[in-house]
């Protein structure tokens, strides 16, 4: 039981670090886009962050494909409400739709919360790796 508890804590800690890293990545991209004038060349959006994020969340291949067919960037997915995420997954052929919906909405909420915390500077004072 102790080994299982330790493993779960390690997984939770790594998940929290991933949420923070994705938040930092998105904030850095936002700052970059704010500094580059609109008429300058911006780096192309590849959607790789979205694909990686959906894999981190642990979605099935069917759900991942359904999401990628409708979304192009992680930033775009952050603007979706929980209901819009539900609609996005409604057409997914996955057998675990409810579990994946729960996992994805929770992950998006945590990502938004972490980004807000980093933006406001409150994350620096709270270094609990399991807060997300």
Foldseek 3Di string as FASTA:
>chain_A
DVVVVVVVVVLLLVLLVVLLVLLVVVVVLVVVVVPDDPVDDDDDQQQPSVLVLLVSLPDDPQLSVLVVVPDRHPVVVLPDDLVRLLVSLPPGPDPPSVVSSVSVNVSSVSSVVSNVCVVVVVCVVPVDSNPD
